[in-house]
Amino acid sequence: EIEAALALPTPDRLLVAAKERAELLMAEMNHRIANSLALVAAMIRLQSNTLSSDEVRNALTETQSRIAAIAGLHRSLYTSDDVGRVQIDTYLRPLIEDLRRTVGTQEDVSGIEIVASLAPLADAPDRAVALGVIATELVSNALKYAYPTGTGIIRVSVASDPVAGTASLVVEDAGVGFEVDAGPKGTGLGTKLIRSMSTTLGAKIDVQSSPCGTVVALSWPLEG
């Protein structure tokens, strides 16, 4: 690559050098943002540990998870060869696993297994973070509410259909279910975030729930 660059005319070499410098600066920026957001999340966790109100602690824990979703995006960007695209599977896998630790500070989720089947898929950063926030809310809800006994399996899958030009996220459990038309169990902010992020993706959401479990399926058009 160096020899190829040196063989270019001077203006082209300058253009290549400028491009490489811009990519390095972008990677450094994403690295710093990810570290700063991780620090904010850690401060929120420390603050929540000092509080006696369960409601406030739960709200701070949810905020910590949402910040982690955005921090994970920037971490994926600075470790990627393409700062304009995010590998969804690489981004979501550690994010989903971290939710067990985060929610586990408030709930006993040690007996709940999360099984992730994530197909290789790349998308733009703004769309990826929308998907990350949605996945965070859905998996968090399943961890907190699906299995009152603290034992069960949550399945998370991401797939794409190049022929149809669509991608999908499915989060399912075999828990106690809920009334789809009933109000939210928490503050309702999670539901609002899911709707807002779905609009960003141009996604359709299908929710099926019964006493035998819940399946939430999200489908959105692939870019291009």
C-alpha atoms as a PDB file:
ATOM      1  CA  GLU A   1       0.000   0.000   0.000  1.00  0.00           C
ATOM      2  CA  ILE A   2       2.859   2.383   0.790  1.00  0.00           C
ATOM      3  CA  GLU A   3       4.546   1.695  -2.557  1.00  0.00           C
ATOM      4  CA  ALA A   4       1.225   2.208  -4.352  1.00  0.00           C
ATOM      5  CA  ALA A   5       0.710   5.521  -2.578  1.00  0.00           C
ATOM      6  CA  LEU A   6       4.225   6.725  -3.418  1.00  0.00           C
ATOM      7  CA  ALA A   7       3.630   5.899  -7.081  1.00  0.00           C
ATOM      8  CA  LEU A   8       0.716   8.323  -7.234  1.00  0.00           C
ATOM      9  CA  PRO A   9       1.145  11.889  -8.529  1.00  0.00           C
ATOM     10  CA  THR A  10       1.788  14.459  -5.779  1.00  0.00           C
ATOM     11  CA  PRO A  11      -1.829  15.813  -5.593  1.00  0.00           C
ATOM     12  CA  ASP A  12      -3.161  12.273  -5.322  1.00  0.00           C
ATOM     13  CA  ARG A  13      -0.643  11.416  -2.597  1.00  0.00           C
ATOM     14  CA  LEU A  14      -1.780  14.467  -0.653  1.00  0.00           C
ATOM     15  CA  LEU A  15      -5.399  13.387  -1.067  1.00  0.00           C
ATOM     16  CA  VAL A  16      -4.619   9.861   0.184  1.00  0.00           C
ATOM     17  CA  ALA A  17      -2.680  11.278   3.150  1.00  0.00           C
ATOM     18  CA  ALA A  18      -5.547  13.631   4.023  1.00  0.00           C
ATOM     19  CA  LYS A  19      -8.040  10.764   3.851  1.00  0.00           C
ATOM     20  CA  GLU A  20      -5.915   8.589   6.139  1.00  0.00           C
ATOM     21  CA  ARG A  21      -5.495  11.452   8.609  1.00  0.00           C
ATOM     22  CA  ALA A  22      -9.254  12.067   8.640  1.00  0.00           C
ATOM     23  CA  GLU A  23      -9.896   8.378   9.335  1.00  0.00           C
ATOM     24  CA  LEU A  24      -7.375   8.397  12.202  1.00  0.00           C
ATOM     25  CA  LEU A  25      -8.969  11.510  13.691  1.00  0.00           C
ATOM     26  CA  MET A  26     -12.429   9.971  13.372  1.00  0.00           C
ATOM     27  CA  ALA A  27     -11.277   6.775  15.094  1.00  0.00           C
ATOM     28  CA  GLU A  28      -9.683   8.808  17.901  1.00  0.00           C
ATOM     29  CA  MET A  29     -12.859  10.851  18.318  1.00  0.00           C
ATOM     30  CA  ASN A  30     -15.017   7.725  18.579  1.00  0.00           C
ATOM     31  CA  HIS A  31     -12.535   6.249  21.062  1.00  0.00           C
ATOM     32  CA  ARG A  32     -12.741   9.332  23.287  1.00  0.00           C
ATOM     33  CA  ILE A  33     -16.537   9.493  23.065  1.00  0.00           C
ATOM     34  CA  ALA A  34     -16.845   5.806  23.990  1.00  0.00           C
ATOM     35  CA  ASN A  35     -14.559   6.284  26.994  1.00  0.00           C
ATOM     36  CA  SER A  36     -16.417   9.398  28.133  1.00  0.00           C
ATOM     37  CA  LEU A  37     -19.801   7.681  27.889  1.00  0.00           C
ATOM     38  CA  ALA A  38     -18.447   4.655  29.763  1.00  0.00           C
ATOM     39  CA  LEU A  39     -17.302   7.022  32.525  1.00  0.00           C
ATOM     40  CA  VAL A  40     -20.747   8.627  32.696  1.00  0.00           C
ATOM     41  CA  ALA A  41     -22.372   5.175  32.915  1.00  0.00           C
ATOM     42  CA  ALA A  42     -19.988   4.204  35.733  1.00  0.00           C
ATOM     43  CA  MET A  43     -20.824   7.389  37.639  1.00  0.00           C
ATOM     44  CA  ILE A  44     -24.536   6.653  37.300  1.00  0.00           C
ATOM     45  CA  ARG A  45     -23.984   3.117  38.593  1.00  0.00           C
ATOM     46  CA  LEU A  46     -22.086   4.436  41.615  1.00  0.00           C
ATOM     47  CA  GLN A  47     -24.820   6.979  42.293  1.00  0.00           C
ATOM     48  CA  SER A  48     -27.562   4.352  42.085  1.00  0.00           C
ATOM     49  CA  ASN A  49     -25.751   2.222  44.675  1.00  0.00           C
ATOM     50  CA  THR A  50     -26.069   5.026  47.227  1.00  0.00           C
ATOM     51  CA  LEU A  51     -29.840   5.427  46.881  1.00  0.00           C
ATOM     52  CA  SER A  52     -32.549   3.770  48.946  1.00  0.00           C
ATOM     53  CA  SER A  53     -35.460   4.254  46.541  1.00  0.00           C
ATOM     54  CA  ASP A  54     -36.005   1.202  44.318  1.00  0.00           C
ATOM     55  CA  GLU A  55     -37.864   3.323  41.766  1.00  0.00           C
ATOM     56  CA  VAL A  56     -35.003   5.793  41.416  1.00  0.00           C
ATOM     57  CA  ARG A  57     -32.380   3.024  41.320  1.00  0.00           C
ATOM     58  CA  ASN A  58     -34.291   1.235  38.558  1.00  0.00           C
ATOM     59  CA  ALA A  59     -34.571   4.454  36.552  1.00  0.00           C
ATOM     60  CA  LEU A  60     -30.825   5.069  36.856  1.00  0.00           C
ATOM     61  CA  THR A  61     -30.066   1.467  35.887  1.00  0.00           C
ATOM     62  CA  GLU A  62     -32.177   1.856  32.741  1.00  0.00           C
ATOM     63  CA  THR A  63     -30.370   5.102  31.946  1.00  0.00           C
ATOM     64  CA  GLN A  64     -27.030   3.352  32.386  1.00  0.00           C
ATOM     65  CA  SER A  65     -28.066   0.665  29.866  1.00  0.00           C
ATOM     66  CA  ARG A  66     -29.145   3.278  27.315  1.00  0.00           C
ATOM     67  CA  ILE A  67     -25.856   5.137  27.639  1.00  0.00           C
ATOM     68  CA  ALA A  68     -23.992   1.842  27.244  1.00  0.00           C
ATOM     69  CA  ALA A  69     -25.838   1.225  23.966  1.00  0.00           C
ATOM     70  CA  ILE A  70     -24.517   4.501  22.546  1.00  0.00           C
ATOM     71  CA  ALA A  71     -21.025   3.953  23.961  1.00  0.00           C
ATOM     72  CA  GLY A  72     -20.935   0.506  22.372  1.00  0.00           C
ATOM     73  CA  LEU A  73     -21.685   2.035  18.992  1.00  0.00           C
ATOM     74  CA  HIS A  74     -18.684   4.367  19.202  1.00  0.00           C
ATOM     75  CA  ARG A  75     -16.529   1.479  20.399  1.00  0.00           C
ATOM     76  CA  SER A  76     -17.559  -0.497  17.325  1.00  0.00           C
ATOM     77  CA  LEU A  77     -16.726   2.460  15.087  1.00  0.00           C
ATOM     78  CA  TYR A  78     -13.198   3.035  16.359  1.00  0.00           C
ATOM     79  CA  THR A  79     -12.358  -0.670  16.084  1.00  0.00           C
ATOM     80  CA  SER A  80     -13.799  -0.921  12.561  1.00  0.00           C
ATOM     81  CA  ASP A  81     -12.021  -0.464   9.251  1.00  0.00           C
ATOM     82  CA  ASP A  82     -15.035   1.484   7.970  1.00  0.00           C
ATOM     83  CA  VAL A  83     -16.128   4.371  10.194  1.00  0.00           C
ATOM     84  CA  GLY A  84     -19.234   4.834   8.061  1.00  0.00           C
ATOM     85  CA  ARG A  85     -20.663   1.366   8.748  1.00  0.00           C
ATOM     86  CA  VAL A  86     -21.303  -0.640  11.905  1.00  0.00           C
ATOM     87  CA  GLN A  87     -21.248  -4.437  12.083  1.00  0.00           C
ATOM     88  CA  ILE A  88     -24.551  -5.034  13.843  1.00  0.00           C
ATOM     89  CA  ASP A  89     -23.669  -8.511  15.127  1.00  0.00           C
ATOM     90  CA  THR A  90     -20.320  -7.336  16.559  1.00  0.00           C
ATOM     91  CA  TYR A  91     -22.038  -4.332  18.143  1.00  0.00           C
ATOM     92  CA  LEU A  92     -25.019  -6.115  19.682  1.00  0.00           C
ATOM     93  CA  ARG A  93     -23.337  -9.194  21.123  1.00  0.00           C
ATOM     94  CA  PRO A  94     -21.395  -7.527  23.990  1.00  0.00           C
ATOM     95  CA  LEU A  95     -24.237  -5.043  24.494  1.00  0.00           C
ATOM     96  CA  ILE A  96     -26.736  -7.841  25.118  1.00  0.00           C
ATOM     97  CA  GLU A  97     -24.379  -9.698  27.435  1.00  0.00           C
ATOM     98  CA  ASP A  98     -23.657  -6.550  29.455  1.00  0.00           C
ATOM     99  CA  LEU A  99     -27.378  -6.154  30.112  1.00  0.00           C
ATOM    100  CA  ARG A 100     -27.321  -9.257  32.302  1.00  0.00           C
ATOM    101  CA  ARG A 101     -24.720  -7.604  34.547  1.00  0.00           C
ATOM    102  CA  THR A 102     -26.495  -4.243  34.573  1.00  0.00           C
ATOM    103  CA  VAL A 103     -29.987  -5.577  35.284  1.00  0.00           C
ATOM    104  CA  GLY A 104     -28.459  -8.079  37.701  1.00  0.00           C
ATOM    105  CA  THR A 105     -27.591  -5.247  40.075  1.00  0.00           C
ATOM    106  CA  GLN A 106     -31.338  -4.824  40.716  1.00  0.00           C
ATOM    107  CA  GLU A 107     -32.837  -8.227  39.871  1.00  0.00           C
ATOM    108  CA  ASP A 108     -31.785 -11.867  40.303  1.00  0.00           C
ATOM    109  CA  VAL A 109     -31.220 -12.909  36.682  1.00  0.00           C
ATOM    110  CA  SER A 110     -28.512 -15.517  37.312  1.00  0.00           C
ATOM    111  CA  GLY A 111     -30.858 -18.310  36.183  1.00  0.00           C
ATOM    112  CA  ILE A 112     -31.824 -16.603  32.926  1.00  0.00           C
ATOM    113  CA  GLU A 113     -29.903 -17.601  29.816  1.00  0.00           C
ATOM    114  CA  ILE A 114     -29.601 -15.293  26.817  1.00  0.00           C
ATOM    115  CA  VAL A 115     -29.123 -17.088  23.502  1.00  0.00           C
ATOM    116  CA  ALA A 116     -28.052 -14.796  20.662  1.00  0.00           C
ATOM    117  CA  SER A 117     -28.116 -15.731  16.979  1.00  0.00           C
ATOM    118  CA  LEU A 118     -26.801 -12.710  15.109  1.00  0.00           C
ATOM    119  CA  ALA A 119     -26.220 -12.898  11.368  1.00  0.00           C
ATOM    120  CA  PRO A 120     -23.503 -10.683   9.854  1.00  0.00           C
ATOM    121  CA  LEU A 121     -25.087  -7.356   8.967  1.00  0.00           C
ATOM    122  CA  ALA A 122     -23.740  -3.825   8.508  1.00  0.00           C
ATOM    123  CA  ASP A 123     -25.627  -0.543   8.641  1.00  0.00           C
ATOM    124  CA  ALA A 124     -25.098   3.189   9.086  1.00  0.00           C
ATOM    125  CA  PRO A 125     -24.193   4.409  12.617  1.00  0.00           C
ATOM    126  CA  ASP A 126     -27.446   6.314  13.251  1.00  0.00           C
ATOM    127  CA  ARG A 127     -29.506   3.279  12.282  1.00  0.00           C
ATOM    128  CA  ALA A 128     -27.267   0.959  14.280  1.00  0.00           C
ATOM    129  CA  VAL A 129     -27.642   2.982  17.481  1.00  0.00           C
ATOM    130  CA  ALA A 130     -31.429   2.991  16.999  1.00  0.00           C
ATOM    131  CA  LEU A 131     -31.334  -0.791  16.785  1.00  0.00           C
ATOM    132  CA  GLY A 132     -29.047  -0.953  19.831  1.00  0.00           C
ATOM    133  CA  VAL A 133     -31.457   1.109  21.921  1.00  0.00           C
ATOM    134  CA  ILE A 134     -34.404  -1.055  20.836  1.00  0.00           C
ATOM    135  CA  ALA A 135     -32.538  -4.277  21.636  1.00  0.00           C
ATOM    136  CA  THR A 136     -31.525  -2.836  25.022  1.00  0.00           C
ATOM    137  CA  GLU A 137     -35.129  -2.033  25.938  1.00  0.00           C
ATOM    138  CA  LEU A 138     -36.556  -5.368  24.758  1.00  0.00           C
ATOM    139  CA  VAL A 139     -33.926  -7.555  26.412  1.00  0.00           C
ATOM    140  CA  SER A 140     -34.041  -5.508  29.636  1.00  0.00           C
ATOM    141  CA  ASN A 141     -37.814  -5.917  29.803  1.00  0.00           C
ATOM    142  CA  ALA A 142     -37.539  -9.671  29.260  1.00  0.00           C
ATOM    143  CA  LEU A 143     -34.867  -9.955  31.966  1.00  0.00           C
ATOM    144  CA  LYS A 144     -36.958  -8.012  34.475  1.00  0.00           C
ATOM    145  CA  TYR A 145     -40.476  -9.243  33.788  1.00  0.00           C
ATOM    146  CA  ALA A 146     -40.609 -12.475  31.748  1.00  0.00           C
ATOM    147  CA  TYR A 147     -39.473 -14.910  34.437  1.00  0.00           C
ATOM    148  CA  PRO A 148     -40.611 -14.078  37.993  1.00  0.00           C
ATOM    149  CA  THR A 149     -38.968 -17.319  39.191  1.00  0.00           C
ATOM    150  CA  GLY A 150     -35.604 -16.106  37.845  1.00  0.00           C
ATOM    151  CA  THR A 151     -35.141 -19.039  35.468  1.00  0.00           C
ATOM    152  CA  GLY A 152     -35.649 -19.184  31.705  1.00  0.00           C
ATOM    153  CA  ILE A 153     -34.274 -18.465  28.240  1.00  0.00           C
ATOM    154  CA  ILE A 154     -34.350 -15.270  26.211  1.00  0.00           C
ATOM    155  CA  ARG A 155     -33.606 -15.657  22.509  1.00  0.00           C
ATOM    156  CA  VAL A 156     -32.313 -12.760  20.439  1.00  0.00           C
ATOM    157  CA  SER A 157     -31.867 -13.089  16.701  1.00  0.00           C
ATOM    158  CA  VAL A 158     -30.849 -10.779  13.878  1.00  0.00           C
ATOM    159  CA  ALA A 159     -31.263 -11.848  10.257  1.00  0.00           C
ATOM    160  CA  SER A 160     -31.339 -10.290   6.825  1.00  0.00           C
ATOM    161  CA  ASP A 161     -33.169 -11.093   3.611  1.00  0.00           C
ATOM    162  CA  PRO A 162     -31.182  -9.564   0.711  1.00  0.00           C
ATOM    163  CA  VAL A 163     -33.847 -10.610  -1.790  1.00  0.00           C
ATOM    164  CA  ALA A 164     -36.604  -8.765   0.061  1.00  0.00           C
ATOM    165  CA  GLY A 165     -34.183  -6.006   1.073  1.00  0.00           C
ATOM    166  CA  THR A 166     -35.125  -6.259   4.741  1.00  0.00           C
ATOM    167  CA  ALA A 167     -33.553  -7.111   8.084  1.00  0.00           C
ATOM    168  CA  SER A 168     -35.155  -8.294  11.300  1.00  0.00           C
ATOM    169  CA  LEU A 169     -34.609  -8.359  15.048  1.00  0.00           C
ATOM    170  CA  VAL A 170     -36.575 -10.852  17.145  1.00  0.00           C
ATOM    171  CA  VAL A 171     -36.564 -11.032  20.948  1.00  0.00           C
ATOM    172  CA  GLU A 172     -38.570 -13.886  22.437  1.00  0.00           C
ATOM    173  CA  ASP A 173     -39.091 -15.641  25.735  1.00  0.00           C
ATOM    174  CA  ALA A 174     -41.255 -18.408  27.212  1.00  0.00           C
ATOM    175  CA  GLY A 175     -42.230 -16.357  30.239  1.00  0.00           C
ATOM    176  CA  VAL A 176     -45.458 -15.172  31.797  1.00  0.00           C
ATOM    177  CA  GLY A 177     -46.392 -12.742  29.023  1.00  0.00           C
ATOM    178  CA  PHE A 178     -48.383  -9.541  29.403  1.00  0.00           C
ATOM    179  CA  GLU A 179     -51.462  -7.748  28.119  1.00  0.00           C
ATOM    180  CA  VAL A 180     -50.342  -6.029  24.905  1.00  0.00           C
ATOM    181  CA  ASP A 181     -52.980  -3.304  25.272  1.00  0.00           C
ATOM    182  CA  ALA A 182     -52.228  -2.717  28.957  1.00  0.00           C
ATOM    183  CA  GLY A 183     -50.129   0.204  30.175  1.00  0.00           C
ATOM    184  CA  PRO A 184     -46.376  -0.125  30.728  1.00  0.00           C
ATOM    185  CA  LYS A 185     -45.116  -1.634  33.979  1.00  0.00           C
ATOM    186  CA  GLY A 186     -42.488   1.072  34.409  1.00  0.00           C
ATOM    187  CA  THR A 187     -42.374   4.746  33.472  1.00  0.00           C
ATOM    188  CA  GLY A 188     -43.266   4.095  29.842  1.00  0.00           C
ATOM    189  CA  LEU A 189     -40.080   5.771  28.607  1.00  0.00           C
ATOM    190  CA  GLY A 190     -38.803   2.485  27.183  1.00  0.00           C
ATOM    191  CA  THR A 191     -41.918   2.092  25.032  1.00  0.00           C
ATOM    192  CA  LYS A 192     -41.539   5.663  23.765  1.00  0.00           C
ATOM    193  CA  LEU A 193     -37.880   5.053  22.926  1.00  0.00           C
ATOM    194  CA  ILE A 194     -38.725   1.889  20.993  1.00  0.00           C
ATOM    195  CA  ARG A 195     -41.354   3.746  18.958  1.00  0.00           C
ATOM    196  CA  SER A 196     -39.007   6.664  18.292  1.00  0.00           C
ATOM    197  CA  MET A 197     -36.073   4.466  17.286  1.00  0.00           C
ATOM    198  CA  SER A 198     -38.367   2.352  15.099  1.00  0.00           C
ATOM    199  CA  THR A 199     -39.310   5.507  13.214  1.00  0.00           C
ATOM    200  CA  THR A 200     -35.605   6.187  12.641  1.00  0.00           C
ATOM    201  CA  LEU A 201     -35.245   2.714  11.141  1.00  0.00           C
ATOM    202  CA  GLY A 202     -38.505   2.866   9.219  1.00  0.00           C
ATOM    203  CA  ALA A 203     -39.331  -0.362  11.030  1.00  0.00           C
ATOM    204  CA  LYS A 204     -42.509  -2.310  11.644  1.00  0.00           C
ATOM    205  CA  ILE A 205     -43.048  -3.913  15.053  1.00  0.00           C
ATOM    206  CA  ASP A 206     -45.149  -6.986  15.753  1.00  0.00           C
ATOM    207  CA  VAL A 207     -45.809  -7.993  19.381  1.00  0.00           C
ATOM    208  CA  GLN A 208     -47.335 -11.344  20.284  1.00  0.00           C
ATOM    209  CA  SER A 209     -47.748 -12.168  23.977  1.00  0.00           C
ATOM    210  CA  SER A 210     -49.572 -14.840  25.966  1.00  0.00           C
ATOM    211  CA  PRO A 211     -49.122 -16.694  29.265  1.00  0.00           C
ATOM    212  CA  CYS A 212     -46.801 -18.988  27.287  1.00  0.00           C
ATOM    213  CA  GLY A 213     -44.357 -16.243  26.325  1.00  0.00           C
ATOM    214  CA  THR A 214     -43.695 -13.103  24.313  1.00  0.00           C
ATOM    215  CA  VAL A 215     -42.296 -12.545  20.830  1.00  0.00           C
ATOM    216  CA  VAL A 216     -41.369  -9.081  19.609  1.00  0.00           C
ATOM    217  CA  ALA A 217     -40.367  -8.935  15.939  1.00  0.00           C
ATOM    218  CA  LEU A 218     -38.910  -5.859  14.306  1.00  0.00           C
ATOM    219  CA  SER A 219     -38.506  -5.598  10.522  1.00  0.00           C
ATOM    220  CA  TRP A 220     -36.878  -2.719   8.638  1.00  0.00           C
ATOM    221  CA  PRO A 221     -35.645  -1.993   5.109  1.00  0.00           C
ATOM    222  CA  LEU A 222     -31.947  -2.370   4.408  1.00  0.00           C
ATOM    223  CA  GLU A 223     -30.167   0.727   3.126  1.00  0.00           C
ATOM    224  CA  GLY A 224     -29.597   0.697  -0.613  1.00  0.00           C
END
